[in-house]
Amino acid sequence: MTLLVSLWCRVLTVRRNNNGQASVEYALVLLGAAVVASLLIAWASKTKLLDDLFDHILGLIKNKAG
């Protein structure tokens, strides 16, 4: 009986202990954001979208400057 009570107390302690959970969630969100950003950059690089975007922005800056 004492063994069962001891095990039950351990289960309750493990279930209530949320230390570090926010850190893990934060790390998973950052990992997910990095994956999405990597996929977006890979797609944009293949379609030459970034080159066109930078050319457009530089053209706007040149027109405003002179």
PDB file of N, CA and C in Angstrom:
ATOM      1  N   MET A   1       0.814  -1.196   0.000  1.00  0.00           N
ATOM      2  CA  MET A   1       0.000   0.000   0.000  1.00  0.00           C
ATOM      3  C   MET A   1       0.861   1.266   0.000  1.00  0.00           C
ATOM      4  N   THR A   2       1.928   1.243   0.764  1.00  0.00           N
ATOM      5  CA  THR A   2       2.824   2.392   0.829  1.00  0.00           C
ATOM      6  C   THR A   2       3.465   2.646  -0.528  1.00  0.00           C
ATOM      7  N   LEU A   3       3.764   1.579  -1.239  1.00  0.00           N
ATOM      8  CA  LEU A   3       4.355   1.713  -2.574  1.00  0.00           C
ATOM      9  C   LEU A   3       3.388   2.394  -3.531  1.00  0.00           C
ATOM     10  N   LEU A   4       2.113   2.019  -3.458  1.00  0.00           N
ATOM     11  CA  LEU A   4       1.111   2.643  -4.328  1.00  0.00           C
ATOM     12  C   LEU A   4       0.936   4.123  -4.011  1.00  0.00           C
ATOM     13  N   VAL A   5       0.931   4.489  -2.770  1.00  0.00           N
ATOM     14  CA  VAL A   5       0.808   5.891  -2.382  1.00  0.00           C
ATOM     15  C   VAL A   5       2.018   6.670  -2.864  1.00  0.00           C
ATOM     16  N   SER A   6       3.188   6.078  -2.715  1.00  0.00           N
ATOM     17  CA  SER A   6       4.418   6.721  -3.162  1.00  0.00           C
ATOM     18  C   SER A   6       4.403   6.947  -4.674  1.00  0.00           C
ATOM     19  N   LEU A   7       3.982   5.941  -5.415  1.00  0.00           N
ATOM     20  CA  LEU A   7       3.907   6.070  -6.875  1.00  0.00           C
ATOM     21  C   LEU A   7       2.874   7.118  -7.276  1.00  0.00           C
ATOM     22  N   TRP A   8       1.728   7.134  -6.598  1.00  0.00           N
ATOM     23  CA  TRP A   8       0.686   8.105  -6.911  1.00  0.00           C
ATOM     24  C   TRP A   8       1.176   9.528  -6.653  1.00  0.00           C
ATOM     25  N   CYS A   9       1.902   9.730  -5.577  1.00  0.00           N
ATOM     26  CA  CYS A   9       2.468  11.050  -5.275  1.00  0.00           C
ATOM     27  C   CYS A   9       3.453  11.469  -6.346  1.00  0.00           C
ATOM     28  N   ARG A  10       4.233  10.526  -6.841  1.00  0.00           N
ATOM     29  CA  ARG A  10       5.188  10.832  -7.919  1.00  0.00           C
ATOM     30  C   ARG A  10       4.458  11.232  -9.196  1.00  0.00           C
ATOM     31  N   VAL A  11       3.398  10.531  -9.527  1.00  0.00           N
ATOM     32  CA  VAL A  11       2.618  10.846 -10.726  1.00  0.00           C
ATOM     33  C   VAL A  11       2.040  12.247 -10.620  1.00  0.00           C
ATOM     34  N   LEU A  12       1.485  12.569  -9.459  1.00  0.00           N
ATOM     35  CA  LEU A  12       0.917  13.899  -9.275  1.00  0.00           C
ATOM     36  C   LEU A  12       1.986  14.972  -9.360  1.00  0.00           C
ATOM     37  N   THR A  13       3.150  14.710  -8.837  1.00  0.00           N
ATOM     38  CA  THR A  13       4.247  15.676  -8.877  1.00  0.00           C
ATOM     39  C   THR A  13       4.706  15.905 -10.310  1.00  0.00           C
ATOM     40  N   VAL A  14       4.833  14.850 -11.071  1.00  0.00           N
ATOM     41  CA  VAL A  14       5.263  14.971 -12.461  1.00  0.00           C
ATOM     42  C   VAL A  14       4.213  15.701 -13.277  1.00  0.00           C
ATOM     43  N   ARG A  15       2.950  15.420 -13.048  1.00  0.00           N
ATOM     44  CA  ARG A  15       1.884  16.060 -13.814  1.00  0.00           C
ATOM     45  C   ARG A  15       1.759  17.541 -13.494  1.00  0.00           C
ATOM     46  N   ARG A  16       2.053  17.949 -12.281  1.00  0.00           N
ATOM     47  CA  ARG A  16       1.910  19.341 -11.879  1.00  0.00           C
ATOM     48  C   ARG A  16       3.140  20.171 -12.199  1.00  0.00           C
ATOM     49  N   ASN A  17       4.248  19.534 -12.460  1.00  0.00           N
ATOM     50  CA  ASN A  17       5.499  20.256 -12.688  1.00  0.00           C
ATOM     51  C   ASN A  17       5.560  20.722 -14.141  1.00  0.00           C
ATOM     52  N   ASN A  18       5.344  22.013 -14.357  1.00  0.00           N
ATOM     53  CA  ASN A  18       5.362  22.583 -15.701  1.00  0.00           C
ATOM     54  C   ASN A  18       6.592  23.449 -15.932  1.00  0.00           C
ATOM     55  N   ASN A  19       7.602  23.310 -15.081  1.00  0.00           N
ATOM     56  CA  ASN A  19       8.811  24.112 -15.240  1.00  0.00           C
ATOM     57  C   ASN A  19       9.437  23.835 -16.606  1.00  0.00           C
ATOM     58  N   GLY A  20       9.735  24.883 -17.316  1.00  0.00           N
ATOM     59  CA  GLY A  20      10.376  24.731 -18.616  1.00  0.00           C
ATOM     60  C   GLY A  20       9.416  24.564 -19.773  1.00  0.00           C
ATOM     61  N   GLN A  21       8.136  24.435 -19.508  1.00  0.00           N
ATOM     62  CA  GLN A  21       7.181  24.219 -20.590  1.00  0.00           C
ATOM     63  C   GLN A  21       7.125  25.429 -21.518  1.00  0.00           C
ATOM     64  N   ALA A  22       7.153  26.621 -20.960  1.00  0.00           N
ATOM     65  CA  ALA A  22       7.111  27.828 -21.790  1.00  0.00           C
ATOM     66  C   ALA A  22       8.347  27.916 -22.667  1.00  0.00           C
ATOM     67  N   SER A  23       9.491  27.519 -22.135  1.00  0.00           N
ATOM     68  CA  SER A  23      10.727  27.540 -22.923  1.00  0.00           C
ATOM     69  C   SER A  23      10.652  26.572 -24.103  1.00  0.00           C
ATOM     70  N   VAL A  24      10.100  25.405 -23.859  1.00  0.00           N
ATOM     71  CA  VAL A  24       9.955  24.421 -24.923  1.00  0.00           C
ATOM     72  C   VAL A  24       8.981  24.925 -25.980  1.00  0.00           C
ATOM     73  N   GLU A  25       7.875  25.505 -25.548  1.00  0.00           N
ATOM     74  CA  GLU A  25       6.904  26.040 -26.502  1.00  0.00           C
ATOM     75  C   GLU A  25       7.520  27.164 -27.326  1.00  0.00           C
ATOM     76  N   TYR A  26       8.293  28.023 -26.681  1.00  0.00           N
ATOM     77  CA  TYR A  26       8.965  29.120 -27.375  1.00  0.00           C
ATOM     78  C   TYR A  26       9.947  28.570 -28.406  1.00  0.00           C
ATOM     79  N   ALA A  27      10.696  27.547 -28.023  1.00  0.00           N
ATOM     80  CA  ALA A  27      11.658  26.947 -28.942  1.00  0.00           C
ATOM     81  C   ALA A  27      10.949  26.312 -30.136  1.00  0.00           C
ATOM     82  N   LEU A  28       9.822  25.662 -29.905  1.00  0.00           N
ATOM     83  CA  LEU A  28       9.080  25.045 -31.008  1.00  0.00           C
ATOM     84  C   LEU A  28       8.499  26.094 -31.954  1.00  0.00           C
ATOM     85  N   VAL A  29       8.026  27.194 -31.408  1.00  0.00           N
ATOM     86  CA  VAL A  29       7.507  28.277 -32.254  1.00  0.00           C
ATOM     87  C   VAL A  29       8.635  28.855 -33.105  1.00  0.00           C
ATOM     88  N   LEU A  30       9.802  29.078 -32.493  1.00  0.00           N
ATOM     89  CA  LEU A  30      10.947  29.597 -33.251  1.00  0.00           C
ATOM     90  C   LEU A  30      11.385  28.620 -34.340  1.00  0.00           C
ATOM     91  N   LEU A  31      11.386  27.334 -34.020  1.00  0.00           N
ATOM     92  CA  LEU A  31      11.749  26.329 -35.010  1.00  0.00           C
ATOM     93  C   LEU A  31      10.762  26.335 -36.170  1.00  0.00           C
ATOM     94  N   GLY A  32       9.481  26.413 -35.863  1.00  0.00           N
ATOM     95  CA  GLY A  32       8.464  26.467 -36.912  1.00  0.00           C
ATOM     96  C   GLY A  32       8.605  27.706 -37.772  1.00  0.00           C
ATOM     97  N   ALA A  33       8.870  28.849 -37.145  1.00  0.00           N
ATOM     98  CA  ALA A  33       9.051  30.095 -37.898  1.00  0.00           C
ATOM     99  C   ALA A  33      10.286  30.009 -38.791  1.00  0.00           C
ATOM    100  N   ALA A  34      11.342  29.398 -38.309  1.00  0.00           N
ATOM    101  CA  ALA A  34      12.559  29.247 -39.113  1.00  0.00           C
ATOM    102  C   ALA A  34      12.311  28.349 -40.321  1.00  0.00           C
ATOM    103  N   VAL A  35      11.535  27.299 -40.137  1.00  0.00           N
ATOM    104  CA  VAL A  35      11.218  26.399 -41.254  1.00  0.00           C
ATOM    105  C   VAL A  35      10.385  27.135 -42.300  1.00  0.00           C
ATOM    106  N   VAL A  36       9.381  27.866 -41.859  1.00  0.00           N
ATOM    107  CA  VAL A  36       8.533  28.615 -42.797  1.00  0.00           C
ATOM    108  C   VAL A  36       9.361  29.662 -43.539  1.00  0.00           C
ATOM    109  N   ALA A  37      10.213  30.390 -42.811  1.00  0.00           N
ATOM    110  CA  ALA A  37      11.049  31.406 -43.443  1.00  0.00           C
ATOM    111  C   ALA A  37      12.011  30.777 -44.454  1.00  0.00           C
ATOM    112  N   SER A  38      12.576  29.631 -44.113  1.00  0.00           N
ATOM    113  CA  SER A  38      13.490  28.952 -45.041  1.00  0.00           C
ATOM    114  C   SER A  38      12.777  28.512 -46.315  1.00  0.00           C
ATOM    115  N   LEU A  39      11.585  27.972 -46.154  1.00  0.00           N
ATOM    116  CA  LEU A  39      10.812  27.550 -47.325  1.00  0.00           C
ATOM    117  C   LEU A  39      10.429  28.745 -48.188  1.00  0.00           C
ATOM    118  N   LEU A  40      10.046  29.841 -47.557  1.00  0.00           N
ATOM    119  CA  LEU A  40       9.680  31.043 -48.292  1.00  0.00           C
ATOM    120  C   LEU A  40      10.875  31.609 -49.054  1.00  0.00           C
ATOM    121  N   ILE A  41      12.029  31.653 -48.423  1.00  0.00           N
ATOM    122  CA  ILE A  41      13.239  32.157 -49.089  1.00  0.00           C
ATOM    123  C   ILE A  41      13.648  31.239 -50.238  1.00  0.00           C
ATOM    124  N   ALA A  42      13.556  29.932 -50.031  1.00  0.00           N
ATOM    125  CA  ALA A  42      13.900  28.993 -51.100  1.00  0.00           C
ATOM    126  C   ALA A  42      12.961  29.170 -52.293  1.00  0.00           C
ATOM    127  N   TRP A  43      11.671  29.332 -52.022  1.00  0.00           N
ATOM    128  CA  TRP A  43      10.712  29.519 -53.104  1.00  0.00           C
ATOM    129  C   TRP A  43      10.959  30.840 -53.831  1.00  0.00           C
ATOM    130  N   ALA A  44      11.171  31.901 -53.068  1.00  0.00           N
ATOM    131  CA  ALA A  44      11.386  33.217 -53.674  1.00  0.00           C
ATOM    132  C   ALA A  44      12.675  33.253 -54.484  1.00  0.00           C
ATOM    133  N   SER A  45      13.683  32.533 -54.044  1.00  0.00           N
ATOM    134  CA  SER A  45      14.954  32.499 -54.777  1.00  0.00           C
ATOM    135  C   SER A  45      14.804  31.781 -56.118  1.00  0.00           C
ATOM    136  N   LYS A  46      14.014  30.746 -56.131  1.00  0.00           N
ATOM    137  CA  LYS A  46      13.820  29.998 -57.375  1.00  0.00           C
ATOM    138  C   LYS A  46      13.007  30.794 -58.392  1.00  0.00           C
ATOM    139  N   THR A  47      12.117  31.642 -57.916  1.00  0.00           N
ATOM    140  CA  THR A  47      11.250  32.381 -58.833  1.00  0.00           C
ATOM    141  C   THR A  47      11.813  33.749 -59.197  1.00  0.00           C
ATOM    142  N   LYS A  48      13.002  34.076 -58.731  1.00  0.00           N
ATOM    143  CA  LYS A  48      13.648  35.373 -58.994  1.00  0.00           C
ATOM    144  C   LYS A  48      12.833  36.529 -58.434  1.00  0.00           C
ATOM    145  N   LEU A  49      11.965  36.240 -57.509  1.00  0.00           N
ATOM    146  CA  LEU A  49      11.117  37.267 -56.919  1.00  0.00           C
ATOM    147  C   LEU A  49      11.934  38.260 -56.106  1.00  0.00           C
ATOM    148  N   LEU A  50      12.922  37.771 -55.376  1.00  0.00           N
ATOM    149  CA  LEU A  50      13.746  38.669 -54.567  1.00  0.00           C
ATOM    150  C   LEU A  50      14.532  39.649 -55.432  1.00  0.00           C
ATOM    151  N   ASP A  51      15.089  39.169 -56.538  1.00  0.00           N
ATOM    152  CA  ASP A  51      15.827  40.055 -57.443  1.00  0.00           C
ATOM    153  C   ASP A  51      14.924  41.164 -57.983  1.00  0.00           C
ATOM    154  N   ASP A  52      13.729  40.786 -58.419  1.00  0.00           N
ATOM    155  CA  ASP A  52      12.790  41.780 -58.936  1.00  0.00           C
ATOM    156  C   ASP A  52      12.367  42.775 -57.851  1.00  0.00           C
ATOM    157  N   LEU A  53      12.166  42.280 -56.640  1.00  0.00           N
ATOM    158  CA  LEU A  53      11.769  43.151 -55.533  1.00  0.00           C
ATOM    159  C   LEU A  53      12.875  44.161 -55.217  1.00  0.00           C
ATOM    160  N   PHE A  54      14.110  43.688 -55.117  1.00  0.00           N
ATOM    161  CA  PHE A  54      15.219  44.595 -54.818  1.00  0.00           C
ATOM    162  C   PHE A  54      15.444  45.588 -55.955  1.00  0.00           C
ATOM    163  N   ASP A  55      15.319  45.139 -57.194  1.00  0.00           N
ATOM    164  CA  ASP A  55      15.457  46.053 -58.326  1.00  0.00           C
ATOM    165  C   ASP A  55      14.378  47.135 -58.290  1.00  0.00           C
ATOM    166  N   HIS A  56      13.169  46.739 -57.953  1.00  0.00           N
ATOM    167  CA  HIS A  56      12.068  47.695 -57.866  1.00  0.00           C
ATOM    168  C   HIS A  56      12.315  48.718 -56.756  1.00  0.00           C
ATOM    169  N   ILE A  57      12.734  48.243 -55.599  1.00  0.00           N
ATOM    170  CA  ILE A  57      12.996  49.148 -54.473  1.00  0.00           C
ATOM    171  C   ILE A  57      14.139  50.101 -54.793  1.00  0.00           C
ATOM    172  N   LEU A  58      15.215  49.585 -55.377  1.00  0.00           N
ATOM    173  CA  LEU A  58      16.339  50.451 -55.744  1.00  0.00           C
ATOM    174  C   LEU A  58      15.924  51.473 -56.805  1.00  0.00           C
ATOM    175  N   GLY A  59      15.075  51.047 -57.725  1.00  0.00           N
ATOM    176  CA  GLY A  59      14.575  51.987 -58.740  1.00  0.00           C
ATOM    177  C   GLY A  59      13.755  53.101 -58.105  1.00  0.00           C
ATOM    178  N   LEU A  60      12.921  52.758 -57.121  1.00  0.00           N
ATOM    179  CA  LEU A  60      12.147  53.785 -56.432  1.00  0.00           C
ATOM    180  C   LEU A  60      13.055  54.758 -55.683  1.00  0.00           C
ATOM    181  N   ILE A  61      14.084  54.236 -55.065  1.00  0.00           N
ATOM    182  CA  ILE A  61      15.032  55.097 -54.327  1.00  0.00           C
ATOM    183  C   ILE A  61      15.770  56.021 -55.297  1.00  0.00           C
ATOM    184  N   LYS A  62      16.188  55.480 -56.422  1.00  0.00           N
ATOM    185  CA  LYS A  62      16.901  56.306 -57.412  1.00  0.00           C
ATOM    186  C   LYS A  62      15.990  57.416 -57.974  1.00  0.00           C
ATOM    187  N   ASN A  63      14.723  57.075 -58.201  1.00  0.00           N
ATOM    188  CA  ASN A  63      13.780  58.083 -58.716  1.00  0.00           C
ATOM    189  C   ASN A  63      13.529  59.178 -57.695  1.00  0.00           C
ATOM    190  N   LYS A  64      13.448  58.827 -56.444  1.00  0.00           N
ATOM    191  CA  LYS A  64      13.228  59.823 -55.395  1.00  0.00           C
ATOM    192  C   LYS A  64      14.471  60.697 -55.198  1.00  0.00           C
ATOM    193  N   ALA A  65      15.655  60.087 -55.334  1.00  0.00           N
ATOM    194  CA  ALA A  65      16.900  60.830 -55.092  1.00  0.00           C
ATOM    195  C   ALA A  65      17.264  61.764 -56.222  1.00  0.00           C
ATOM    196  N   GLY A  66      16.904  61.408 -57.419  1.00  0.00           N
ATOM    197  CA  GLY A  66      17.420  62.294 -58.436  1.00  0.00           C
ATOM    198  C   GLY A  66      16.696  62.290 -59.699  1.00  0.00           C
TER     199      GLY A  66
END
